[in-house]
Amino acid sequence: MADQNYDQNQQPNQNQQAPYQQQPYQQQPYQPAPYQNPGQFEDQSPLSIGNFLIMILISYIPLVNIIMLFVWGFGNSNTNKKNLARAQLIMLAIGVVISIIFGASIIAAIASLGAGRYY
């Protein structure tokens, strides 16, 4: 009954297709994959005893120690070396603050001893 409305001699218009014709395959337009930054390689291999000894020996040298601790702590080096250098920088900062407080209290104590005497 549905075939009564379909005339085989009639050509389908642009919007209609004959029931026996299949839609041709249309390839989807190329869309590149989104960029994913692979990140930098983080060296997480354990440090050897020699590396620890070298880091500690270099940290005994005045002024060089501060420079090298900043280089190791904030550069592109081993993660374990970064953590050790940052821990040493924190301990260095705590030591400086305690030294300033202790030194100021000693100077204040000496100044208060000399303030009561008149020559």
PDB file of N, CA and C in Angstrom:
ATOM      1  N   MET A   1       0.806  -1.179   0.000  1.00  0.00           N
ATOM      2  CA  MET A   1       0.000   0.000   0.000  1.00  0.00           C
ATOM      3  C   MET A   1       0.862   1.261   0.000  1.00  0.00           C
ATOM      4  N   ALA A   2       1.988   1.179   0.680  1.00  0.00           N
ATOM      5  CA  ALA A   2       2.852   2.340   0.723  1.00  0.00           C
ATOM      6  C   ALA A   2       3.475   2.595  -0.638  1.00  0.00           C
ATOM      7  N   ASP A   3       3.545   1.523  -1.483  1.00  0.00           N
ATOM      8  CA  ASP A   3       4.140   1.667  -2.801  1.00  0.00           C
ATOM      9  C   ASP A   3       3.223   2.402  -3.779  1.00  0.00           C
ATOM     10  N   GLN A   4       1.985   2.611  -3.438  1.00  0.00           N
ATOM     11  CA  GLN A   4       1.069   3.286  -4.340  1.00  0.00           C
ATOM     12  C   GLN A   4       1.458   4.747  -4.539  1.00  0.00           C
ATOM     13  N   ASN A   5       2.049   5.365  -3.526  1.00  0.00           N
ATOM     14  CA  ASN A   5       2.422   6.778  -3.635  1.00  0.00           C
ATOM     15  C   ASN A   5       3.745   6.978  -4.361  1.00  0.00           C
ATOM     16  N   TYR A   6       4.466   5.940  -4.604  1.00  0.00           N
ATOM     17  CA  TYR A   6       5.777   6.058  -5.235  1.00  0.00           C
ATOM     18  C   TYR A   6       5.678   5.731  -6.714  1.00  0.00           C
ATOM     19  N   ASP A   7       6.110   6.656  -7.512  1.00  0.00           N
ATOM     20  CA  ASP A   7       6.116   6.461  -8.960  1.00  0.00           C
ATOM     21  C   ASP A   7       7.541   6.166  -9.381  1.00  0.00           C
ATOM     22  N   GLN A   8       7.810   5.029 -10.036  1.00  0.00           N
ATOM     23  CA  GLN A   8       9.167   4.643 -10.396  1.00  0.00           C
ATOM     24  C   GLN A   8       9.731   5.533 -11.492  1.00  0.00           C
ATOM     25  N   ASN A   9       8.927   6.149 -12.287  1.00  0.00           N
ATOM     26  CA  ASN A   9       9.407   7.027 -13.346  1.00  0.00           C
ATOM     27  C   ASN A   9       9.735   8.424 -12.832  1.00  0.00           C
ATOM     28  N   GLN A  10       9.227   8.739 -11.694  1.00  0.00           N
ATOM     29  CA  GLN A  10       9.462  10.085 -11.155  1.00  0.00           C
ATOM     30  C   GLN A  10      10.867  10.142 -10.552  1.00  0.00           C
ATOM     31  N   GLN A  11      11.597  11.179 -10.894  1.00  0.00           N
ATOM     32  CA  GLN A  11      12.934  11.388 -10.365  1.00  0.00           C
ATOM     33  C   GLN A  11      12.832  12.051  -8.989  1.00  0.00           C
ATOM     34  N   PRO A  12      13.637  11.613  -8.036  1.00  0.00           N
ATOM     35  CA  PRO A  12      13.575  12.256  -6.718  1.00  0.00           C
ATOM     36  C   PRO A  12      14.178  13.654  -6.790  1.00  0.00           C
ATOM     37  N   ASN A  13      13.642  14.553  -6.013  1.00  0.00           N
ATOM     38  CA  ASN A  13      14.201  15.909  -5.997  1.00  0.00           C
ATOM     39  C   ASN A  13      15.486  15.913  -5.159  1.00  0.00           C
ATOM     40  N   GLN A  14      16.084  17.065  -4.993  1.00  0.00           N
ATOM     41  CA  GLN A  14      17.378  17.162  -4.317  1.00  0.00           C
ATOM     42  C   GLN A  14      17.293  16.730  -2.855  1.00  0.00           C
ATOM     43  N   ASN A  15      16.193  17.008  -2.199  1.00  0.00           N
ATOM     44  CA  ASN A  15      16.076  16.706  -0.780  1.00  0.00           C
ATOM     45  C   ASN A  15      15.619  15.276  -0.530  1.00  0.00           C
ATOM     46  N   GLN A  16      14.997  14.655  -1.510  1.00  0.00           N
ATOM     47  CA  GLN A  16      14.502  13.297  -1.365  1.00  0.00           C
ATOM     48  C   GLN A  16      15.408  12.349  -2.127  1.00  0.00           C
ATOM     49  N   GLN A  17      15.534  11.143  -1.580  1.00  0.00           N
ATOM     50  CA  GLN A  17      16.271  10.120  -2.295  1.00  0.00           C
ATOM     51  C   GLN A  17      15.353   8.928  -2.490  1.00  0.00           C
ATOM     52  N   ALA A  18      15.597   8.227  -3.548  1.00  0.00           N
ATOM     53  CA  ALA A  18      14.790   7.034  -3.802  1.00  0.00           C
ATOM     54  C   ALA A  18      15.090   6.007  -2.717  1.00  0.00           C
ATOM     55  N   PRO A  19      14.138   5.172  -2.367  1.00  0.00           N
ATOM     56  CA  PRO A  19      14.358   4.217  -1.280  1.00  0.00           C
ATOM     57  C   PRO A  19      15.430   3.195  -1.594  1.00  0.00           C
ATOM     58  N   TYR A  20      15.745   2.951  -2.844  1.00  0.00           N
ATOM     59  CA  TYR A  20      16.732   1.940  -3.190  1.00  0.00           C
ATOM     60  C   TYR A  20      18.150   2.518  -3.254  1.00  0.00           C
ATOM     61  N   GLN A  21      18.321   3.833  -3.137  1.00  0.00           N
ATOM     62  CA  GLN A  21      19.645   4.445  -3.202  1.00  0.00           C
ATOM     63  C   GLN A  21      20.195   4.639  -1.783  1.00  0.00           C
ATOM     64  N   GLN A  22      21.485   4.338  -1.622  1.00  0.00           N
ATOM     65  CA  GLN A  22      22.128   4.529  -0.324  1.00  0.00           C
ATOM     66  C   GLN A  22      22.913   5.831  -0.343  1.00  0.00           C
ATOM     67  N   GLN A  23      23.046   6.386   0.826  1.00  0.00           N
ATOM     68  CA  GLN A  23      23.816   7.616   0.995  1.00  0.00           C
ATOM     69  C   GLN A  23      25.293   7.289   0.783  1.00  0.00           C
ATOM     70  N   PRO A  24      25.999   8.037  -0.059  1.00  0.00           N
ATOM     71  CA  PRO A  24      27.433   7.763  -0.231  1.00  0.00           C
ATOM     72  C   PRO A  24      28.192   8.075   1.067  1.00  0.00           C
ATOM     73  N   TYR A  25      29.301   7.355   1.274  1.00  0.00           N
ATOM     74  CA  TYR A  25      30.108   7.534   2.474  1.00  0.00           C
ATOM     75  C   TYR A  25      30.772   8.903   2.441  1.00  0.00           C
ATOM     76  N   GLN A  26      30.594   9.648   3.509  1.00  0.00           N
ATOM     77  CA  GLN A  26      31.236  10.955   3.620  1.00  0.00           C
ATOM     78  C   GLN A  26      32.258  10.887   4.738  1.00  0.00           C
ATOM     79  N   GLN A  27      33.490  11.176   4.387  1.00  0.00           N
ATOM     80  CA  GLN A  27      34.552  11.141   5.378  1.00  0.00           C
ATOM     81  C   GLN A  27      34.472  12.375   6.260  1.00  0.00           C
ATOM     82  N   GLN A  28      34.655  12.173   7.546  1.00  0.00           N
ATOM     83  CA  GLN A  28      34.640  13.286   8.484  1.00  0.00           C
ATOM     84  C   GLN A  28      35.875  14.153   8.257  1.00  0.00           C
ATOM     85  N   PRO A  29      35.750  15.448   8.430  1.00  0.00           N
ATOM     86  CA  PRO A  29      36.920  16.309   8.251  1.00  0.00           C
ATOM     87  C   PRO A  29      37.982  15.989   9.298  1.00  0.00           C
ATOM     88  N   TYR A  30      39.233  16.172   8.902  1.00  0.00           N
ATOM     89  CA  TYR A  30      40.360  15.873   9.785  1.00  0.00           C
ATOM     90  C   TYR A  30      40.404  16.869  10.924  1.00  0.00           C
ATOM     91  N   GLN A  31      40.483  16.355  12.132  1.00  0.00           N
ATOM     92  CA  GLN A  31      40.663  17.195  13.305  1.00  0.00           C
ATOM     93  C   GLN A  31      41.873  16.673  14.055  1.00  0.00           C
ATOM     94  N   PRO A  32      42.906  17.501  14.162  1.00  0.00           N
ATOM     95  CA  PRO A  32      44.108  17.015  14.838  1.00  0.00           C
ATOM     96  C   PRO A  32      43.837  16.784  16.322  1.00  0.00           C
ATOM     97  N   ALA A  33      44.609  15.885  16.881  1.00  0.00           N
ATOM     98  CA  ALA A  33      44.478  15.605  18.305  1.00  0.00           C
ATOM     99  C   ALA A  33      44.932  16.836  19.094  1.00  0.00           C
ATOM    100  N   PRO A  34      44.306  17.095  20.213  1.00  0.00           N
ATOM    101  CA  PRO A  34      44.742  18.245  21.007  1.00  0.00           C
ATOM    102  C   PRO A  34      46.170  18.046  21.500  1.00  0.00           C
ATOM    103  N   TYR A  35      46.895  19.140  21.611  1.00  0.00           N
ATOM    104  CA  TYR A  35      48.303  19.085  22.014  1.00  0.00           C
ATOM    105  C   TYR A  35      48.388  18.713  23.485  1.00  0.00           C
ATOM    106  N   GLN A  36      49.181  17.723  23.760  1.00  0.00           N
ATOM    107  CA  GLN A  36      49.410  17.322  25.138  1.00  0.00           C
ATOM    108  C   GLN A  36      50.883  17.496  25.433  1.00  0.00           C
ATOM    109  N   ASN A  37      51.181  18.373  26.372  1.00  0.00           N
ATOM    110  CA  ASN A  37      52.563  18.609  26.746  1.00  0.00           C
ATOM    111  C   ASN A  37      53.074  17.397  27.503  1.00  0.00           C
ATOM    112  N   PRO A  38      54.104  16.748  26.987  1.00  0.00           N
ATOM    113  CA  PRO A  38      54.574  15.543  27.665  1.00  0.00           C
ATOM    114  C   PRO A  38      55.247  15.841  28.991  1.00  0.00           C
ATOM    115  N   GLY A  39      55.577  17.094  29.254  1.00  0.00           N
ATOM    116  CA  GLY A  39      56.244  17.442  30.503  1.00  0.00           C
ATOM    117  C   GLY A  39      57.720  17.090  30.435  1.00  0.00           C
ATOM    118  N   GLN A  40      58.427  17.582  31.398  1.00  0.00           N
ATOM    119  CA  GLN A  40      59.847  17.305  31.432  1.00  0.00           C
ATOM    120  C   GLN A  40      60.080  16.008  32.190  1.00  0.00           C
ATOM    121  N   PHE A  41      61.141  15.333  31.813  1.00  0.00           N
ATOM    122  CA  PHE A  41      61.497  14.100  32.482  1.00  0.00           C
ATOM    123  C   PHE A  41      62.008  14.424  33.873  1.00  0.00           C
ATOM    124  N   GLU A  42      61.439  13.788  34.869  1.00  0.00           N
ATOM    125  CA  GLU A  42      61.889  13.991  36.243  1.00  0.00           C
ATOM    126  C   GLU A  42      62.726  12.794  36.658  1.00  0.00           C
ATOM    127  N   ASP A  43      63.977  13.065  36.963  1.00  0.00           N
ATOM    128  CA  ASP A  43      64.882  12.014  37.411  1.00  0.00           C
ATOM    129  C   ASP A  43      64.594  11.735  38.876  1.00  0.00           C
ATOM    130  N   GLN A  44      64.088  10.553  39.168  1.00  0.00           N
ATOM    131  CA  GLN A  44      63.776  10.192  40.537  1.00  0.00           C
ATOM    132  C   GLN A  44      64.624   9.025  41.014  1.00  0.00           C
ATOM    133  N   SER A  45      65.751   8.824  40.362  1.00  0.00           N
ATOM    134  CA  SER A  45      66.635   7.746  40.792  1.00  0.00           C
ATOM    135  C   SER A  45      67.264   8.124  42.128  1.00  0.00           C
ATOM    136  N   PRO A  46      67.501   7.139  42.980  1.00  0.00           N
ATOM    137  CA  PRO A  46      68.079   7.460  44.293  1.00  0.00           C
ATOM    138  C   PRO A  46      69.510   7.970  44.159  1.00  0.00           C
ATOM    139  N   LEU A  47      69.863   8.890  45.054  1.00  0.00           N
ATOM    140  CA  LEU A  47      71.219   9.436  45.048  1.00  0.00           C
ATOM    141  C   LEU A  47      72.155   8.448  45.732  1.00  0.00           C
ATOM    142  N   SER A  48      73.357   8.374  45.212  1.00  0.00           N
ATOM    143  CA  SER A  48      74.348   7.489  45.821  1.00  0.00           C
ATOM    144  C   SER A  48      74.990   8.188  47.017  1.00  0.00           C
ATOM    145  N   ILE A  49      75.735   7.433  47.783  1.00  0.00           N
ATOM    146  CA  ILE A  49      76.427   8.006  48.939  1.00  0.00           C
ATOM    147  C   ILE A  49      77.429   9.052  48.474  1.00  0.00           C
ATOM    148  N   GLY A  50      78.069   8.808  47.335  1.00  0.00           N
ATOM    149  CA  GLY A  50      79.019   9.780  46.797  1.00  0.00           C
ATOM    150  C   GLY A  50      78.355  11.107  46.467  1.00  0.00           C
ATOM    151  N   ASN A  51      77.142  11.066  45.891  1.00  0.00           N
ATOM    152  CA  ASN A  51      76.415  12.308  45.590  1.00  0.00           C
ATOM    153  C   ASN A  51      76.079  13.070  46.859  1.00  0.00           C
ATOM    154  N   PHE A  52      75.629  12.330  47.898  1.00  0.00           N
ATOM    155  CA  PHE A  52      75.339  12.998  49.164  1.00  0.00           C
ATOM    156  C   PHE A  52      76.589  13.636  49.749  1.00  0.00           C
ATOM    157  N   LEU A  53      77.704  12.906  49.733  1.00  0.00           N
ATOM    158  CA  LEU A  53      78.944  13.446  50.296  1.00  0.00           C
ATOM    159  C   LEU A  53      79.406  14.684  49.546  1.00  0.00           C
ATOM    160  N   ILE A  54      79.318  14.661  48.220  1.00  0.00           N
ATOM    161  CA  ILE A  54      79.721  15.832  47.429  1.00  0.00           C
ATOM    162  C   ILE A  54      78.820  17.021  47.751  1.00  0.00           C
ATOM    163  N   MET A  55      77.512  16.780  47.856  1.00  0.00           N
ATOM    164  CA  MET A  55      76.604  17.884  48.178  1.00  0.00           C
ATOM    165  C   MET A  55      76.903  18.461  49.555  1.00  0.00           C
ATOM    166  N   ILE A  56      77.170  17.610  50.517  1.00  0.00           N
ATOM    167  CA  ILE A  56      77.457  18.094  51.875  1.00  0.00           C
ATOM    168  C   ILE A  56      78.791  18.831  51.906  1.00  0.00           C
ATOM    169  N   LEU A  57      79.802  18.296  51.222  1.00  0.00           N
ATOM    170  CA  LEU A  57      81.106  18.977  51.202  1.00  0.00           C
ATOM    171  C   LEU A  57      81.014  20.343  50.526  1.00  0.00           C
ATOM    172  N   ILE A  58      80.266  20.432  49.439  1.00  0.00           N
ATOM    173  CA  ILE A  58      80.108  21.728  48.769  1.00  0.00           C
ATOM    174  C   ILE A  58      79.321  22.688  49.658  1.00  0.00           C
ATOM    175  N   SER A  59      78.399  22.157  50.454  1.00  0.00           N
ATOM    176  CA  SER A  59      77.616  23.049  51.317  1.00  0.00           C
ATOM    177  C   SER A  59      78.428  23.573  52.495  1.00  0.00           C
ATOM    178  N   TYR A  60      79.651  23.057  52.733  1.00  0.00           N
ATOM    179  CA  TYR A  60      80.526  23.599  53.774  1.00  0.00           C
ATOM    180  C   TYR A  60      81.302  24.828  53.296  1.00  0.00           C
ATOM    181  N   ILE A  61      81.389  25.065  52.014  1.00  0.00           N
ATOM    182  CA  ILE A  61      82.159  26.189  51.481  1.00  0.00           C
ATOM    183  C   ILE A  61      81.302  27.449  51.560  1.00  0.00           C
ATOM    184  N   PRO A  62      81.801  28.510  52.232  1.00  0.00           N
ATOM    185  CA  PRO A  62      81.000  29.736  52.369  1.00  0.00           C
ATOM    186  C   PRO A  62      80.674  30.370  51.011  1.00  0.00           C
ATOM    187  N   LEU A  63      79.517  30.943  50.893  1.00  0.00           N
ATOM    188  CA  LEU A  63      78.946  31.598  49.717  1.00  0.00           C
ATOM    189  C   LEU A  63      78.679  30.631  48.561  1.00  0.00           C
ATOM    190  N   VAL A  64      79.564  29.690  48.320  1.00  0.00           N
ATOM    191  CA  VAL A  64      79.322  28.696  47.269  1.00  0.00           C
ATOM    192  C   VAL A  64      78.137  27.823  47.668  1.00  0.00           C
ATOM    193  N   ASN A  65      78.037  27.552  48.976  1.00  0.00           N
ATOM    194  CA  ASN A  65      76.952  26.694  49.433  1.00  0.00           C
ATOM    195  C   ASN A  65      75.583  27.293  49.130  1.00  0.00           C
ATOM    196  N   ILE A  66      75.415  28.573  49.358  1.00  0.00           N
ATOM    197  CA  ILE A  66      74.110  29.206  49.124  1.00  0.00           C
ATOM    198  C   ILE A  66      73.769  29.181  47.636  1.00  0.00           C
ATOM    199  N   ILE A  67      74.744  29.498  46.806  1.00  0.00           N
ATOM    200  CA  ILE A  67      74.514  29.501  45.357  1.00  0.00           C
ATOM    201  C   ILE A  67      74.164  28.100  44.872  1.00  0.00           C
ATOM    202  N   MET A  68      74.939  27.114  45.300  1.00  0.00           N
ATOM    203  CA  MET A  68      74.704  25.745  44.841  1.00  0.00           C
ATOM    204  C   MET A  68      73.396  25.175  45.384  1.00  0.00           C
ATOM    205  N   LEU A  69      73.016  25.548  46.600  1.00  0.00           N
ATOM    206  CA  LEU A  69      71.747  25.065  47.139  1.00  0.00           C
ATOM    207  C   LEU A  69      70.574  25.624  46.336  1.00  0.00           C
ATOM    208  N   PHE A  70      70.676  26.874  45.902  1.00  0.00           N
ATOM    209  CA  PHE A  70      69.625  27.425  45.045  1.00  0.00           C
ATOM    210  C   PHE A  70      69.616  26.751  43.670  1.00  0.00           C
ATOM    211  N   VAL A  71      70.791  26.478  43.125  1.00  0.00           N
ATOM    212  CA  VAL A  71      70.871  25.806  41.816  1.00  0.00           C
ATOM    213  C   VAL A  71      70.277  24.402  41.915  1.00  0.00           C
ATOM    214  N   TRP A  72      70.661  23.655  42.940  1.00  0.00           N
ATOM    215  CA  TRP A  72      70.143  22.296  43.093  1.00  0.00           C
ATOM    216  C   TRP A  72      68.665  22.295  43.473  1.00  0.00           C
ATOM    217  N   GLY A  73      68.255  23.245  44.293  1.00  0.00           N
ATOM    218  CA  GLY A  73      66.888  23.248  44.792  1.00  0.00           C
ATOM    219  C   GLY A  73      65.851  23.688  43.775  1.00  0.00           C
ATOM    220  N   PHE A  74      66.241  24.550  42.847  1.00  0.00           N
ATOM    221  CA  PHE A  74      65.258  25.094  41.906  1.00  0.00           C
ATOM    222  C   PHE A  74      65.627  24.857  40.450  1.00  0.00           C
ATOM    223  N   GLY A  75      66.623  24.041  40.182  1.00  0.00           N
ATOM    224  CA  GLY A  75      67.022  23.732  38.815  1.00  0.00           C
ATOM    225  C   GLY A  75      66.390  22.438  38.342  1.00  0.00           C
ATOM    226  N   ASN A  76      66.800  22.003  37.178  1.00  0.00           N
ATOM    227  CA  ASN A  76      66.300  20.742  36.608  1.00  0.00           C
ATOM    228  C   ASN A  76      67.257  19.618  36.988  1.00  0.00           C
ATOM    229  N   SER A  77      67.154  19.176  38.211  1.00  0.00           N
ATOM    230  CA  SER A  77      68.028  18.105  38.670  1.00  0.00           C
ATOM    231  C   SER A  77      67.183  17.003  39.283  1.00  0.00           C
ATOM    232  N   ASN A  78      67.849  16.068  39.885  1.00  0.00           N
ATOM    233  CA  ASN A  78      67.197  14.928  40.517  1.00  0.00           C
ATOM    234  C   ASN A  78      66.226  15.407  41.595  1.00  0.00           C
ATOM    235  N   THR A  79      65.073  14.748  41.702  1.00  0.00           N
ATOM    236  CA  THR A  79      64.054  15.131  42.681  1.00  0.00           C
ATOM    237  C   THR A  79      64.588  14.997  44.096  1.00  0.00           C
ATOM    238  N   ASN A  80      65.360  13.960  44.356  1.00  0.00           N
ATOM    239  CA  ASN A  80      65.916  13.771  45.688  1.00  0.00           C
ATOM    240  C   ASN A  80      66.935  14.863  46.015  1.00  0.00           C
ATOM    241  N   LYS A  81      67.708  15.262  45.011  1.00  0.00           N
ATOM    242  CA  LYS A  81      68.684  16.341  45.211  1.00  0.00           C
ATOM    243  C   LYS A  81      67.960  17.662  45.473  1.00  0.00           C
ATOM    244  N   LYS A  82      66.842  17.900  44.767  1.00  0.00           N
ATOM    245  CA  LYS A  82      66.038  19.104  44.997  1.00  0.00           C
ATOM    246  C   LYS A  82      65.534  19.150  46.427  1.00  0.00           C
ATOM    247  N   ASN A  83      64.984  18.026  46.887  1.00  0.00           N
ATOM    248  CA  ASN A  83      64.425  17.995  48.233  1.00  0.00           C
ATOM    249  C   ASN A  83      65.498  18.205  49.297  1.00  0.00           C
ATOM    250  N   LEU A  84      66.666  17.596  49.123  1.00  0.00           N
ATOM    251  CA  LEU A  84      67.752  17.786  50.077  1.00  0.00           C
ATOM    252  C   LEU A  84      68.215  19.236  50.085  1.00  0.00           C
ATOM    253  N   ALA A  85      68.363  19.828  48.905  1.00  0.00           N
ATOM    254  CA  ALA A  85      68.818  21.221  48.825  1.00  0.00           C
ATOM    255  C   ALA A  85      67.787  22.168  49.446  1.00  0.00           C
ATOM    256  N   ARG A  86      66.505  21.931  49.197  1.00  0.00           N
ATOM    257  CA  ARG A  86      65.474  22.790  49.783  1.00  0.00           C
ATOM    258  C   ARG A  86      65.431  22.636  51.299  1.00  0.00           C
ATOM    259  N   ALA A  87      65.614  21.412  51.792  1.00  0.00           N
ATOM    260  CA  ALA A  87      65.648  21.206  53.242  1.00  0.00           C
ATOM    261  C   ALA A  87      66.836  21.931  53.855  1.00  0.00           C
ATOM    262  N   GLN A  88      68.000  21.884  53.199  1.00  0.00           N
ATOM    263  CA  GLN A  88      69.160  22.593  53.714  1.00  0.00           C
ATOM    264  C   GLN A  88      68.955  24.102  53.669  1.00  0.00           C
ATOM    265  N   LEU A  89      68.278  24.615  52.640  1.00  0.00           N
ATOM    266  CA  LEU A  89      67.985  26.049  52.589  1.00  0.00           C
ATOM    267  C   LEU A  89      67.048  26.463  53.722  1.00  0.00           C
ATOM    268  N   ILE A  90      66.058  25.619  54.022  1.00  0.00           N
ATOM    269  CA  ILE A  90      65.145  25.933  55.124  1.00  0.00           C
ATOM    270  C   ILE A  90      65.906  25.943  56.443  1.00  0.00           C
ATOM    271  N   MET A  91      66.765  24.950  56.653  1.00  0.00           N
ATOM    272  CA  MET A  91      67.557  24.912  57.884  1.00  0.00           C
ATOM    273  C   MET A  91      68.515  26.096  57.965  1.00  0.00           C
ATOM    274  N   LEU A  92      69.070  26.512  56.832  1.00  0.00           N
ATOM    275  CA  LEU A  92      69.951  27.676  56.798  1.00  0.00           C
ATOM    276  C   LEU A  92      69.192  28.944  57.181  1.00  0.00           C
ATOM    277  N   ALA A  93      67.984  29.090  56.658  1.00  0.00           N
ATOM    278  CA  ALA A  93      67.164  30.261  56.983  1.00  0.00           C
ATOM    279  C   ALA A  93      66.784  30.267  58.462  1.00  0.00           C
ATOM    280  N   ILE A  94      66.427  29.105  59.008  1.00  0.00           N
ATOM    281  CA  ILE A  94      66.100  29.025  60.438  1.00  0.00           C
ATOM    282  C   ILE A  94      67.322  29.379  61.268  1.00  0.00           C
ATOM    283  N   GLY A  95      68.496  28.903  60.865  1.00  0.00           N
ATOM    284  CA  GLY A  95      69.732  29.221  61.581  1.00  0.00           C
ATOM    285  C   GLY A  95      70.049  30.709  61.555  1.00  0.00           C
ATOM    286  N   VAL A  96      69.826  31.350  60.427  1.00  0.00           N
ATOM    287  CA  VAL A  96      70.084  32.794  60.320  1.00  0.00           C
ATOM    288  C   VAL A  96      69.139  33.574  61.235  1.00  0.00           C
ATOM    289  N   VAL A  97      67.865  33.208  61.250  1.00  0.00           N
ATOM    290  CA  VAL A  97      66.893  33.904  62.092  1.00  0.00           C
ATOM    291  C   VAL A  97      67.231  33.712  63.572  1.00  0.00           C
ATOM    292  N   ILE A  98      67.584  32.489  63.979  1.00  0.00           N
ATOM    293  CA  ILE A  98      67.950  32.240  65.381  1.00  0.00           C
ATOM    294  C   ILE A  98      69.220  32.992  65.743  1.00  0.00           C
ATOM    295  N   SER A  99      70.189  33.059  64.827  1.00  0.00           N
ATOM    296  CA  SER A  99      71.433  33.801  65.094  1.00  0.00           C
ATOM    297  C   SER A  99      71.159  35.284  65.279  1.00  0.00           C
ATOM    298  N   ILE A 100      70.271  35.847  64.458  1.00  0.00           N
ATOM    299  CA  ILE A 100      69.944  37.276  64.596  1.00  0.00           C
ATOM    300  C   ILE A 100      69.264  37.531  65.936  1.00  0.00           C
ATOM    301  N   ILE A 101      68.320  36.678  66.306  1.00  0.00           N
ATOM    302  CA  ILE A 101      67.625  36.863  67.590  1.00  0.00           C
ATOM    303  C   ILE A 101      68.602  36.708  68.753  1.00  0.00           C
ATOM    304  N   PHE A 102      69.424  35.663  68.724  1.00  0.00           N
ATOM    305  CA  PHE A 102      70.381  35.432  69.794  1.00  0.00           C
ATOM    306  C   PHE A 102      71.421  36.556  69.863  1.00  0.00           C
ATOM    307  N   GLY A 103      71.917  36.986  68.702  1.00  0.00           N
ATOM    308  CA  GLY A 103      72.895  38.077  68.677  1.00  0.00           C
ATOM    309  C   GLY A 103      72.316  39.377  69.194  1.00  0.00           C
ATOM    310  N   ALA A 104      71.074  39.681  68.832  1.00  0.00           N
ATOM    311  CA  ALA A 104      70.446  40.914  69.318  1.00  0.00           C
ATOM    312  C   ALA A 104      70.233  40.860  70.826  1.00  0.00           C
ATOM    313  N   SER A 105      69.885  39.698  71.357  1.00  0.00           N
ATOM    314  CA  SER A 105      69.687  39.599  72.809  1.00  0.00           C
ATOM    315  C   SER A 105      71.008  39.730  73.560  1.00  0.00           C
ATOM    316  N   ILE A 106      72.103  39.200  73.006  1.00  0.00           N
ATOM    317  CA  ILE A 106      73.424  39.342  73.633  1.00  0.00           C
ATOM    318  C   ILE A 106      73.854  40.804  73.625  1.00  0.00           C
ATOM    319  N   ILE A 107      73.666  41.486  72.513  1.00  0.00           N
ATOM    320  CA  ILE A 107      74.031  42.911  72.422  1.00  0.00           C
ATOM    321  C   ILE A 107      73.197  43.735  73.381  1.00  0.00           C
ATOM    322  N   ALA A 108      71.917  43.412  73.500  1.00  0.00           N
ATOM    323  CA  ALA A 108      71.058  44.138  74.438  1.00  0.00           C
ATOM    324  C   ALA A 108      71.484  43.883  75.875  1.00  0.00           C
ATOM    325  N   ALA A 109      71.888  42.664  76.199  1.00  0.00           N
ATOM    326  CA  ALA A 109      72.331  42.347  77.553  1.00  0.00           C
ATOM    327  C   ALA A 109      73.629  43.081  77.884  1.00  0.00           C
ATOM    328  N   ILE A 110      74.562  43.119  76.947  1.00  0.00           N
ATOM    329  CA  ILE A 110      75.825  43.833  77.168  1.00  0.00           C
ATOM    330  C   ILE A 110      75.582  45.333  77.319  1.00  0.00           C
ATOM    331  N   ALA A 111      74.679  45.860  76.491  1.00  0.00           N
ATOM    332  CA  ALA A 111      74.375  47.293  76.562  1.00  0.00           C
ATOM    333  C   ALA A 111      73.693  47.654  77.883  1.00  0.00           C
ATOM    334  N   SER A 112      72.862  46.753  78.407  1.00  0.00           N
ATOM    335  CA  SER A 112      72.191  47.053  79.672  1.00  0.00           C
ATOM    336  C   SER A 112      73.153  46.969  80.843  1.00  0.00           C
ATOM    337  N   LEU A 113      74.205  46.153  80.763  1.00  0.00           N
ATOM    338  CA  LEU A 113      75.215  46.082  81.838  1.00  0.00           C
ATOM    339  C   LEU A 113      76.030  47.367  81.903  1.00  0.00           C
ATOM    340  N   GLY A 114      76.329  47.924  80.768  1.00  0.00           N
ATOM    341  CA  GLY A 114      77.151  49.134  80.731  1.00  0.00           C
ATOM    342  C   GLY A 114      76.361  50.398  80.957  1.00  0.00           C
ATOM    343  N   ALA A 115      75.046  50.379  80.917  1.00  0.00           N
ATOM    344  CA  ALA A 115      74.238  51.588  81.048  1.00  0.00           C
ATOM    345  C   ALA A 115      74.159  52.069  82.480  1.00  0.00           C
ATOM    346  N   GLY A 116      74.382  51.207  83.484  1.00  0.00           N
ATOM    347  CA  GLY A 116      74.257  51.623  84.887  1.00  0.00           C
ATOM    348  C   GLY A 116      75.496  52.268  85.429  1.00  0.00           C
ATOM    349  N   ARG A 117      76.619  52.231  84.778  1.00  0.00           N
ATOM    350  CA  ARG A 117      77.862  52.790  85.284  1.00  0.00           C
ATOM    351  C   ARG A 117      78.110  54.178  84.716  1.00  0.00           C
ATOM    352  N   TYR A 118      78.576  55.025  85.597  1.00  0.00           N
ATOM    353  CA  TYR A 118      78.984  56.359  85.172  1.00  0.00           C
ATOM    354  C   TYR A 118      80.451  56.538  85.440  1.00  0.00           C
ATOM    355  N   TYR A 119      81.214  56.971  84.506  1.00  0.00           N
ATOM    356  CA  TYR A 119      82.654  57.158  84.655  1.00  0.00           C
ATOM    357  C   TYR A 119      82.992  58.580  84.827  1.00  0.00           C
TER     358      TYR A 119
END
